[in-house]
Amino acid sequence: MANHIIVSIAVERIVNKGLNPKTGRTYILDDITNEIYRSYIIRELVEVYGWELDADDIQR
């Protein structure tokens, strides 16, 4: 199970084109390497923000 606060922070950074503190670049979905967190983040992007993701975004 993922920590909802962490998921919310990551989603907010992706949506608002915020910085990834690790790389100093814009935060993107590919920055999420943990599959559990990635699935929660994708779910929130689709359900809350109405994003349409390609199959490449969902399957790694």
Protein backbone atom coordinates (compact mmCIF):
# COMPACT_ATOMS: atom_id res chain seq x y z
CA MET A 1 0.00 0.00 0.00
CA ALA A 2 1.23 3.48 -0.85
CA ASN A 3 1.30 6.55 1.36
CA HIS A 4 -1.43 8.86 0.03
CA ILE A 5 0.52 11.99 0.97
CA ILE A 6 3.49 10.89 -1.15
CA VAL A 7 1.15 10.03 -4.04
CA SER A 8 -0.55 13.45 -3.77
CA ILE A 9 2.79 15.27 -3.78
CA ALA A 10 4.00 13.37 -6.84
CA VAL A 11 0.71 13.92 -8.70
CA GLU A 12 0.77 17.64 -7.89
CA ARG A 13 4.34 17.95 -9.15
CA ILE A 14 3.49 16.11 -12.37
CA VAL A 15 0.33 18.13 -13.02
CA ASN A 16 1.94 21.48 -12.20
CA LYS A 17 5.23 20.67 -13.95
CA GLY A 18 7.07 21.01 -10.67
CA LEU A 19 10.67 20.04 -10.10
CA ASN A 20 11.92 16.61 -9.20
CA PRO A 21 14.12 17.32 -6.17
CA LYS A 22 16.39 14.43 -7.10
CA THR A 23 17.21 15.56 -10.64
CA GLY A 24 16.34 19.26 -10.61
CA ARG A 25 14.27 18.74 -13.77
CA THR A 26 10.54 18.79 -14.39
CA TYR A 27 8.84 15.89 -12.61
CA ILE A 28 7.47 13.34 -15.07
CA LEU A 29 5.72 9.99 -14.75
CA ASP A 30 8.87 8.14 -15.82
CA ASP A 31 10.56 9.42 -12.66
CA ILE A 32 8.36 7.04 -10.64
CA THR A 33 10.20 3.71 -10.51
CA ASN A 34 8.27 2.03 -7.70
CA GLU A 35 5.48 0.07 -9.42
CA ILE A 36 3.07 0.36 -6.48
CA TYR A 37 3.39 4.15 -6.28
CA ARG A 38 3.33 4.40 -10.07
CA SER A 39 -0.02 2.57 -10.25
CA TYR A 40 -1.55 4.80 -7.55
CA ILE A 41 -0.26 7.93 -9.29
CA ILE A 42 -1.58 6.80 -12.68
CA ARG A 43 -4.95 5.99 -11.13
CA GLU A 44 -5.17 9.47 -9.58
CA LEU A 45 -4.08 11.21 -12.78
CA VAL A 46 -6.80 9.38 -14.72
CA GLU A 47 -9.62 9.53 -12.16
CA VAL A 48 -9.09 12.99 -10.65
CA TYR A 49 -7.48 14.93 -13.47
CA GLY A 50 -9.02 13.11 -16.44
CA TRP A 51 -5.69 12.39 -18.06
CA GLU A 52 -5.63 9.94 -20.93
CA LEU A 53 -2.51 7.83 -20.82
CA ASP A 54 -1.00 5.63 -23.51
CA ALA A 55 -0.41 1.94 -22.92
CA ASP A 56 3.30 2.77 -22.69
CA ASP A 57 2.56 4.97 -19.66
CA ILE A 58 0.76 2.18 -17.85
CA GLN A 59 2.99 -0.79 -18.67
CA ARG A 60 6.67 -0.69 -17.89
